[in-house]
């Protein structure tokens, strides 16, 4: 029994040592692979540079081709962005036109409810005729009220702008006596004009010439 227990312990220790050795070898192999991968890219660049150092024309052509490729990629990216912005603007315009059409339809339906209700299939001809007459009368009254308000506003503005003030003007005298001549308009108030604004300059000159 003692010999068998010793054998099992030695076998377990051997297996643990072998597993630790395999894990250390696997970790070292992973480190080597990572090191190779890290060093592969600069080595490739160095090899390309050394291969094209003897032939500078090919190196320049390769660099120009890479530059043109990058420019083409940037242009394609810009084109895709411009197309995306154009699609967004088109979507905004479409949504705006739809909203405008909706508001227009709502306004038309709001302002033409009476016109839509003039005649219905269930109504008789007399009822529809009465509704038409009532609608015509209402529209006529509305137009007349609008004209009345506009006329009042126009008259008020004219009165504020040109106030009417009558002017009393005495007749010119000759030698302390009133003149016997009448004005050209045929009035009996001396040289006062018909519009109530007093005598004109021509009437004064005529009176002075007569004296």
Protein backbone atom coordinates (compact mmCIF):
# COMPACT_ATOMS: atom_id res chain seq x y z
CA UNK A 1 0.00 0.00 0.00
CA UNK A 2 2.82 2.43 0.79
CA UNK A 3 4.58 1.68 -2.48
CA UNK A 4 1.45 2.32 -4.57
CA UNK A 5 0.82 5.70 -2.86
CA UNK A 6 4.39 6.76 -3.58
CA UNK A 7 3.99 5.78 -7.22
CA UNK A 8 0.78 7.82 -7.57
CA UNK A 9 2.36 10.90 -5.95
CA UNK A 10 5.40 10.67 -8.19
CA UNK A 11 3.21 10.29 -11.28
CA UNK A 12 1.09 13.32 -10.27
CA UNK A 13 4.20 15.43 -9.69
CA UNK A 14 5.55 14.34 -13.07
CA UNK A 15 2.32 15.25 -14.79
CA UNK A 16 2.27 18.67 -13.07
CA UNK A 17 5.86 19.35 -14.12
CA UNK A 18 5.06 18.32 -17.69
CA UNK A 19 1.97 20.58 -17.75
CA UNK A 20 4.00 23.53 -16.42
CA UNK A 21 6.65 22.87 -19.03
CA UNK A 22 4.06 22.77 -21.82
CA UNK A 23 2.43 26.02 -20.59
CA UNK A 24 5.79 27.79 -20.46
CA UNK A 25 6.65 26.58 -23.95
CA UNK A 26 3.25 27.70 -25.30
CA UNK A 27 3.62 31.16 -23.70
CA UNK A 28 7.10 31.54 -25.14
CA UNK A 29 5.83 30.54 -28.60
CA UNK A 30 3.00 33.11 -28.35
CA UNK A 31 5.51 35.84 -27.38
CA UNK A 32 7.67 34.92 -30.35
CA UNK A 33 4.70 35.06 -32.72
CA UNK A 34 3.64 38.46 -31.42
CA UNK A 35 7.19 39.72 -31.80
CA UNK A 36 7.30 38.46 -35.37
CA UNK A 37 3.99 40.15 -36.13
CA UNK A 38 5.15 43.45 -34.63
CA UNK A 39 8.40 43.39 -36.55
CA UNK A 40 6.83 42.25 -39.83
CA UNK A 41 5.34 45.61 -40.85
CA UNK A 42 8.50 47.75 -40.42
CA UNK A 43 10.55 45.00 -42.06
CA UNK A 44 8.20 45.05 -45.05
CA UNK A 45 8.48 48.82 -45.27
CA UNK A 46 12.27 48.64 -45.08
CA UNK A 47 12.39 45.96 -47.74
CA UNK A 48 10.14 48.02 -50.02
CA UNK A 49 12.27 51.10 -49.50
CA UNK A 50 15.47 49.16 -50.18
CA UNK A 51 13.98 47.52 -53.25
CA UNK A 52 12.86 50.86 -54.70
CA UNK A 53 15.95 52.81 -53.61
CA UNK A 54 17.86 51.56 -56.62
CA UNK A 55 14.90 52.45 -58.86
CA UNK A 56 13.63 55.87 -57.75
CA UNK A 57 11.25 56.26 -60.70
CA UNK A 58 9.23 53.25 -59.63
CA UNK A 59 9.19 54.48 -56.04
CA UNK A 60 7.93 57.88 -57.14
CA UNK A 61 5.30 56.29 -59.37
CA UNK A 62 4.15 54.07 -56.54
CA UNK A 63 3.91 57.02 -54.15
CA UNK A 64 1.97 59.02 -56.75
CA UNK A 65 -0.40 56.13 -57.34
CA UNK A 66 -1.00 55.81 -53.60
CA UNK A 67 -1.59 59.55 -53.39
CA UNK A 68 -4.06 59.45 -56.28
CA UNK A 69 -5.83 56.51 -54.65
CA UNK A 70 -6.18 58.45 -51.40
CA UNK A 71 -7.48 61.47 -53.31
CA UNK A 72 -10.00 59.31 -55.13
CA UNK A 73 -11.16 57.87 -51.83
CA UNK A 74 -11.55 61.35 -50.34
CA UNK A 75 -13.46 62.51 -53.43
CA UNK A 76 -15.77 59.53 -53.24
CA UNK A 77 -16.34 60.24 -49.56
CA UNK A 78 -17.14 63.88 -50.30
CA UNK A 79 -19.48 62.81 -53.09
CA UNK A 80 -21.30 60.42 -50.80
CA UNK A 81 -21.63 63.14 -48.15
CA UNK A 82 -22.97 65.62 -50.71
CA UNK A 83 -25.49 63.06 -51.94
CA UNK A 84 -26.56 62.41 -48.37
CA UNK A 85 -27.04 66.14 -47.72
CA UNK A 86 -28.96 66.46 -50.99
CA UNK A 87 -31.26 63.64 -49.97
CA UNK A 88 -31.82 65.31 -46.60
CA UNK A 89 -32.67 68.63 -48.25
CA UNK A 90 -35.07 66.89 -50.62
CA UNK A 91 -36.75 65.17 -47.70
CA UNK A 92 -37.09 68.51 -45.92
CA UNK A 93 -38.59 70.13 -49.03
CA UNK A 94 -41.03 67.26 -49.44
CA UNK A 95 -42.09 67.49 -45.81
CA UNK A 96 -42.49 71.26 -46.13
CA UNK A 97 -44.63 70.92 -49.25
CA UNK A 98 -46.76 68.29 -47.55
CA UNK A 99 -47.28 70.52 -44.52
CA UNK A 100 -48.21 73.45 -46.76
CA UNK A 101 -50.68 71.33 -48.68
CA UNK A 102 -52.22 70.15 -45.41
CA UNK A 103 -52.59 73.69 -44.11
CA UNK A 104 -54.07 74.81 -47.43
CA UNK A 105 -56.58 72.00 -47.43
CA UNK A 106 -57.52 72.74 -43.81
CA UNK A 107 -57.99 76.44 -44.57
CA UNK A 108 -60.11 75.67 -47.63
CA UNK A 109 -62.24 73.25 -45.67
CA UNK A 110 -62.63 75.86 -42.90
CA UNK A 111 -63.62 78.71 -45.21
CA UNK A 112 -65.89 76.67 -47.50
CA UNK A 113 -67.96 74.76 -44.99
CA UNK A 114 -71.06 76.70 -45.95
CA UNK A 115 -70.44 76.15 -49.64
CA UNK A 116 -70.09 72.43 -49.00
CA UNK A 117 -73.32 72.40 -46.98
CA UNK A 118 -75.40 74.22 -49.63
CA UNK A 119 -76.78 71.03 -51.10
CA UNK A 120 -76.82 67.49 -49.78
CA UNK A 121 -78.28 64.36 -51.36
CA UNK A 122 -81.00 64.13 -48.71
CA UNK A 123 -82.12 67.75 -49.11
CA UNK A 124 -84.92 68.85 -51.38
CA UNK A 125 -84.58 71.41 -54.13
CA UNK A 126 -86.46 74.07 -52.16
CA UNK A 127 -84.17 73.68 -49.14
CA UNK A 128 -81.06 73.92 -51.29
CA UNK A 129 -82.47 77.02 -53.00
CA UNK A 130 -83.23 78.64 -49.64
CA UNK A 131 -79.72 77.86 -48.44
CA UNK A 132 -78.27 79.44 -51.57
CA UNK A 133 -80.33 82.60 -51.07
CA UNK A 134 -79.34 82.82 -47.41
CA UNK A 135 -75.68 82.36 -48.29
CA UNK A 136 -75.90 85.06 -50.98
CA UNK A 137 -77.56 87.46 -48.54
CA UNK A 138 -74.92 86.80 -45.88
CA UNK A 139 -72.09 87.36 -48.34
CA UNK A 140 -73.70 90.60 -49.60
CA UNK A 141 -74.13 91.89 -46.04
CA UNK A 142 -70.52 91.06 -45.28
CA UNK A 143 -69.31 92.94 -48.37
CA UNK A 144 -71.46 95.97 -47.51
CA UNK A 145 -70.20 96.06 -43.92
CA UNK A 146 -66.63 95.86 -45.16
CA UNK A 147 -67.21 98.74 -47.59
CA UNK A 148 -68.85 100.78 -44.82
CA UNK A 149 -65.91 100.29 -42.47
CA UNK A 150 -63.44 101.18 -45.22
CA UNK A 151 -65.40 104.34 -46.08
CA UNK A 152 -65.48 105.42 -42.44
CA UNK A 153 -61.76 104.86 -42.09
CA UNK A 154 -61.06 106.84 -45.28
CA UNK A 155 -63.22 109.77 -44.17
CA UNK A 156 -61.61 109.84 -40.75
CA UNK A 157 -58.12 109.88 -42.28
CA UNK A 158 -59.11 112.70 -44.65
CA UNK A 159 -60.54 114.76 -41.79
CA UNK A 160 -57.40 114.30 -39.75
CA UNK A 161 -55.21 115.27 -42.67
CA UNK A 162 -57.17 118.33 -44.00
CA UNK A 163 -59.28 120.03 -41.28
CA UNK A 164 -62.08 122.27 -42.64
CA UNK A 165 -61.91 125.73 -41.08
CA UNK A 166 -64.09 128.58 -42.49
CA UNK A 167 -62.23 131.87 -42.98
CA UNK A 168 -64.09 135.20 -42.61
CA UNK A 169 -62.62 137.87 -44.89
CA UNK A 170 -63.81 141.48 -45.03
CA UNK A 171 -64.33 143.25 -48.35
CA UNK A 172 -61.70 145.78 -49.48
CA UNK A 173 -62.73 149.42 -49.02
CA UNK A 174 -62.36 152.44 -51.27
CA UNK A 175 -61.95 155.80 -49.45
CA UNK A 176 -63.38 154.40 -46.27
CA UNK A 177 -66.41 152.95 -48.05
CA UNK A 178 -67.07 149.38 -49.08
CA UNK A 179 -66.48 148.55 -52.71
CA UNK A 180 -69.45 148.45 -55.04
CA UNK A 181 -67.83 145.88 -57.30
CA UNK A 182 -68.68 142.23 -56.98
CA UNK A 183 -66.40 139.28 -57.47
CA UNK A 184 -66.11 137.39 -60.72
CA UNK A 185 -68.03 134.42 -59.38
CA UNK A 186 -71.16 136.51 -58.89
CA UNK A 187 -71.22 136.30 -55.10
CA UNK A 188 -72.44 139.05 -52.79
CA UNK A 189 -69.54 138.82 -50.28
CA UNK A 190 -67.01 141.06 -51.98
CA UNK A 191 -64.04 139.15 -53.32
CA UNK A 192 -64.57 136.01 -51.26
CA UNK A 193 -64.42 132.79 -53.24
CA UNK A 194 -67.10 130.16 -53.33
CA UNK A 195 -65.08 127.55 -51.45
CA UNK A 196 -64.84 129.76 -48.34
CA UNK A 197 -61.05 130.16 -48.43
CA UNK A 198 -61.05 133.99 -48.83
CA UNK A 199 -60.20 136.25 -51.78
CA UNK A 200 -57.49 135.29 -54.20
CA UNK A 201 -54.46 137.32 -55.22
CA UNK A 202 -55.99 138.11 -58.61
CA UNK A 203 -59.05 139.71 -57.00
CA UNK A 204 -56.83 141.92 -54.83
CA UNK A 205 -54.84 143.00 -57.88
CA UNK A 206 -58.04 143.80 -59.79
CA UNK A 207 -59.33 145.90 -56.88
CA UNK A 208 -56.05 147.82 -56.65
CA UNK A 209 -56.09 148.45 -60.43
CA UNK A 210 -59.64 149.80 -60.24
CA UNK A 211 -58.74 152.25 -57.47
